Amino acid sequence: MGLFAKRQSVALRIEGMTCGHCEQKVVTALTNVKGVHLAKIDRPAGRGTVEVDVGTDLSALTAAVAKVGYRASIETTSA
């Protein structure tokens, strides 16, 4: 893809986070997914935004969140 790969923003709905530690677990899980550059979580709103390379397997995002004990679903994607 070259030095400057195209990126997209993915909005997630995340359920089950109750504290800052929960939020940090989700951020860590998401940023460990190949192709993820940035994960921002708004715990009180139960939402997150993840910046990924175009072509990243988006199901890997929800799987990573599930692996640390929370439920996530993809809301929208945009280029």
N, C-alpha and C. Protein backbone atom coordinates (compact mmCIF):
# COMPACT_ATOMS: atom_id res chain seq x y z
N MET A 1 0.81 -1.21 0.00
CA MET A 1 0.00 0.00 0.00
C MET A 1 0.85 1.26 0.00
N GLY A 2 2.11 1.12 0.16
CA GLY A 2 2.95 2.30 0.14
C GLY A 2 3.16 2.87 1.52
N LEU A 3 3.94 3.93 1.54
CA LEU A 3 4.30 4.56 2.81
C LEU A 3 3.11 5.19 3.52
N PHE A 4 2.18 5.74 2.74
CA PHE A 4 1.03 6.40 3.34
C PHE A 4 -0.24 5.65 2.97
N ALA A 5 -0.51 4.59 3.68
CA ALA A 5 -1.69 3.77 3.43
C ALA A 5 -2.95 4.57 3.74
N LYS A 6 -4.01 4.31 2.99
CA LYS A 6 -5.28 4.96 3.27
C LYS A 6 -5.84 4.41 4.57
N ARG A 7 -6.49 5.26 5.30
CA ARG A 7 -7.09 4.87 6.58
C ARG A 7 -8.57 5.18 6.56
N GLN A 8 -9.28 4.50 7.44
CA GLN A 8 -10.70 4.78 7.62
C GLN A 8 -10.99 4.80 9.11
N SER A 9 -12.07 5.45 9.45
CA SER A 9 -12.52 5.54 10.83
C SER A 9 -13.69 4.59 11.01
N VAL A 10 -13.63 3.80 12.07
CA VAL A 10 -14.68 2.82 12.36
C VAL A 10 -15.30 3.17 13.71
N ALA A 11 -16.61 3.31 13.74
CA ALA A 11 -17.32 3.60 14.99
C ALA A 11 -17.83 2.29 15.58
N LEU A 12 -17.60 2.13 16.87
CA LEU A 12 -18.04 0.93 17.58
C LEU A 12 -19.00 1.28 18.69
N ARG A 13 -19.92 0.40 18.94
CA ARG A 13 -20.78 0.43 20.13
C ARG A 13 -20.19 -0.63 21.05
N ILE A 14 -19.84 -0.26 22.29
CA ILE A 14 -19.19 -1.19 23.21
C ILE A 14 -20.02 -1.28 24.49
N GLU A 15 -20.38 -2.50 24.87
CA GLU A 15 -21.21 -2.72 26.05
C GLU A 15 -20.40 -3.39 27.16
N GLY A 16 -20.69 -3.00 28.39
CA GLY A 16 -20.14 -3.68 29.55
C GLY A 16 -19.02 -2.96 30.29
N MET A 17 -18.54 -1.85 29.77
CA MET A 17 -17.47 -1.13 30.45
C MET A 17 -18.06 -0.35 31.63
N THR A 18 -17.44 -0.49 32.80
CA THR A 18 -17.95 0.20 33.98
C THR A 18 -16.94 1.13 34.63
N CYS A 19 -15.68 1.08 34.21
CA CYS A 19 -14.66 1.90 34.87
C CYS A 19 -13.52 2.21 33.90
N GLY A 20 -12.60 3.03 34.35
CA GLY A 20 -11.44 3.39 33.55
C GLY A 20 -10.58 2.20 33.19
N HIS A 21 -10.49 1.22 34.09
CA HIS A 21 -9.71 0.03 33.81
C HIS A 21 -10.33 -0.74 32.64
N CYS A 22 -11.65 -0.84 32.61
CA CYS A 22 -12.35 -1.48 31.50
C CYS A 22 -12.00 -0.77 30.19
N GLU A 23 -12.07 0.53 30.23
CA GLU A 23 -11.78 1.33 29.04
C GLU A 23 -10.36 1.07 28.54
N GLN A 24 -9.41 1.03 29.45
CA GLN A 24 -8.02 0.80 29.06
C GLN A 24 -7.83 -0.60 28.48
N LYS A 25 -8.52 -1.60 29.02
CA LYS A 25 -8.44 -2.96 28.48
C LYS A 25 -8.92 -2.99 27.04
N VAL A 26 -10.00 -2.27 26.76
CA VAL A 26 -10.56 -2.23 25.41
C VAL A 26 -9.60 -1.50 24.46
N VAL A 27 -9.06 -0.37 24.89
CA VAL A 27 -8.10 0.37 24.06
C VAL A 27 -6.90 -0.52 23.73
N THR A 28 -6.36 -1.19 24.72
CA THR A 28 -5.20 -2.06 24.50
C THR A 28 -5.54 -3.18 23.53
N ALA A 29 -6.69 -3.81 23.73
CA ALA A 29 -7.10 -4.89 22.84
C ALA A 29 -7.23 -4.41 21.40
N LEU A 30 -7.84 -3.26 21.22
CA LEU A 30 -8.03 -2.73 19.87
C LEU A 30 -6.72 -2.34 19.21
N THR A 31 -5.84 -1.68 19.95
CA THR A 31 -4.58 -1.24 19.35
C THR A 31 -3.64 -2.39 19.05
N ASN A 32 -3.91 -3.57 19.59
CA ASN A 32 -3.11 -4.75 19.27
C ASN A 32 -3.58 -5.46 18.00
N VAL A 33 -4.68 -5.02 17.42
CA VAL A 33 -5.18 -5.61 16.18
C VAL A 33 -4.35 -5.05 15.02
N LYS A 34 -3.90 -5.95 14.13
CA LYS A 34 -3.11 -5.53 12.98
C LYS A 34 -3.90 -4.55 12.13
N GLY A 35 -3.28 -3.42 11.80
CA GLY A 35 -3.91 -2.40 10.97
C GLY A 35 -4.52 -1.26 11.76
N VAL A 36 -4.60 -1.39 13.09
CA VAL A 36 -5.17 -0.32 13.92
C VAL A 36 -4.08 0.68 14.27
N HIS A 37 -4.38 1.96 14.11
CA HIS A 37 -3.44 3.03 14.43
C HIS A 37 -3.83 3.79 15.69
N LEU A 38 -5.12 3.88 15.96
CA LEU A 38 -5.59 4.68 17.09
C LEU A 38 -6.95 4.17 17.54
N ALA A 39 -7.13 4.10 18.84
CA ALA A 39 -8.44 3.74 19.40
C ALA A 39 -8.79 4.75 20.47
N LYS A 40 -9.96 5.37 20.34
CA LYS A 40 -10.47 6.32 21.32
C LYS A 40 -11.78 5.76 21.85
N ILE A 41 -11.92 5.73 23.16
CA ILE A 41 -13.11 5.18 23.78
C ILE A 41 -13.81 6.25 24.62
N ASP A 42 -15.12 6.32 24.50
CA ASP A 42 -15.95 7.17 25.34
C ASP A 42 -16.79 6.22 26.19
N ARG A 43 -16.22 5.82 27.33
CA ARG A 43 -16.86 4.82 28.20
C ARG A 43 -18.27 5.21 28.61
N PRO A 44 -18.51 6.45 29.09
CA PRO A 44 -19.87 6.79 29.51
C PRO A 44 -20.91 6.65 28.37
N ALA A 45 -20.49 6.93 27.15
CA ALA A 45 -21.40 6.81 26.01
C ALA A 45 -21.45 5.39 25.45
N GLY A 46 -20.49 4.55 25.85
CA GLY A 46 -20.43 3.19 25.33
C GLY A 46 -20.06 3.13 23.87
N ARG A 47 -19.20 4.06 23.47
CA ARG A 47 -18.81 4.13 22.06
C ARG A 47 -17.29 4.25 21.94
N GLY A 48 -16.82 3.89 20.75
CA GLY A 48 -15.41 4.03 20.46
C GLY A 48 -15.21 4.35 19.00
N THR A 49 -14.08 4.95 18.69
CA THR A 49 -13.68 5.22 17.32
C THR A 49 -12.30 4.65 17.12
N VAL A 50 -12.13 3.91 16.05
CA VAL A 50 -10.87 3.25 15.78
C VAL A 50 -10.41 3.66 14.39
N GLU A 51 -9.17 4.12 14.28
CA GLU A 51 -8.59 4.47 13.00
C GLU A 51 -7.78 3.28 12.51
N VAL A 52 -8.15 2.77 11.33
CA VAL A 52 -7.54 1.56 10.79
C VAL A 52 -7.12 1.77 9.34
N ASP A 53 -6.19 0.92 8.89
CA ASP A 53 -5.86 0.89 7.47
C ASP A 53 -7.07 0.37 6.71
N VAL A 54 -7.31 0.93 5.52
CA VAL A 54 -8.35 0.40 4.64
C VAL A 54 -8.00 -1.04 4.35
N GLY A 55 -8.96 -1.92 4.43
CA GLY A 55 -8.73 -3.33 4.18
C GLY A 55 -8.52 -4.15 5.45
N THR A 56 -8.46 -3.47 6.61
CA THR A 56 -8.34 -4.19 7.88
C THR A 56 -9.59 -5.02 8.11
N ASP A 57 -9.40 -6.22 8.63
CA ASP A 57 -10.52 -7.12 8.94
C ASP A 57 -11.28 -6.53 10.13
N LEU A 58 -12.43 -5.94 9.86
CA LEU A 58 -13.18 -5.26 10.91
C LEU A 58 -13.75 -6.23 11.95
N SER A 59 -13.97 -7.48 11.56
CA SER A 59 -14.44 -8.45 12.55
C SER A 59 -13.38 -8.70 13.61
N ALA A 60 -12.12 -8.43 13.30
CA ALA A 60 -11.05 -8.59 14.29
C ALA A 60 -11.20 -7.57 15.42
N LEU A 61 -11.82 -6.43 15.13
CA LEU A 61 -12.04 -5.42 16.17
C LEU A 61 -13.02 -5.93 17.21
N THR A 62 -14.16 -6.44 16.75
CA THR A 62 -15.16 -6.92 17.70
C THR A 62 -14.67 -8.17 18.41
N ALA A 63 -13.89 -8.99 17.72
CA ALA A 63 -13.33 -10.19 18.35
C ALA A 63 -12.34 -9.82 19.45
N ALA A 64 -11.53 -8.79 19.23
CA ALA A 64 -10.56 -8.36 20.23
C ALA A 64 -11.26 -7.84 21.48
N VAL A 65 -12.34 -7.10 21.29
CA VAL A 65 -13.11 -6.58 22.42
C VAL A 65 -13.76 -7.74 23.18
N ALA A 66 -14.30 -8.70 22.46
CA ALA A 66 -14.93 -9.86 23.10
C ALA A 66 -13.90 -10.66 23.90
N LYS A 67 -12.70 -10.74 23.40
CA LYS A 67 -11.65 -11.52 24.07
C LYS A 67 -11.32 -10.97 25.46
N VAL A 68 -11.50 -9.65 25.64
CA VAL A 68 -11.24 -9.06 26.96
C VAL A 68 -12.52 -8.88 27.79
N GLY A 69 -13.63 -9.46 27.31
CA GLY A 69 -14.82 -9.55 28.14
C GLY A 69 -15.94 -8.56 27.90
N TYR A 70 -15.94 -7.89 26.76
CA TYR A 70 -16.98 -6.90 26.47
C TYR A 70 -17.61 -7.22 25.12
N ARG A 71 -18.73 -6.59 24.82
CA ARG A 71 -19.42 -6.82 23.56
C ARG A 71 -19.31 -5.57 22.70
N ALA A 72 -18.92 -5.76 21.45
CA ALA A 72 -18.81 -4.62 20.53
C ALA A 72 -19.52 -4.93 19.23
N SER A 73 -20.04 -3.89 18.62
CA SER A 73 -20.61 -4.01 17.29
C SER A 73 -20.18 -2.79 16.49
N ILE A 74 -20.02 -2.99 15.21
CA ILE A 74 -19.60 -1.90 14.32
C ILE A 74 -20.83 -1.07 13.98
N GLU A 75 -20.71 0.24 14.17
CA GLU A 75 -21.83 1.13 13.87
C GLU A 75 -21.76 1.65 12.44
N THR A 76 -20.64 2.25 12.08
CA THR A 76 -20.50 2.82 10.74
C THR A 76 -19.02 2.79 10.36
N THR A 77 -18.78 2.90 9.07
CA THR A 77 -17.42 3.08 8.60
C THR A 77 -17.45 4.20 7.58
N SER A 78 -16.34 4.91 7.48
CA SER A 78 -16.23 5.97 6.48
C SER A 78 -14.79 6.06 6.02
N ALA A 79 -14.61 6.53 4.81
CA ALA A 79 -13.26 6.65 4.26
C ALA A 79 -12.60 7.91 4.73
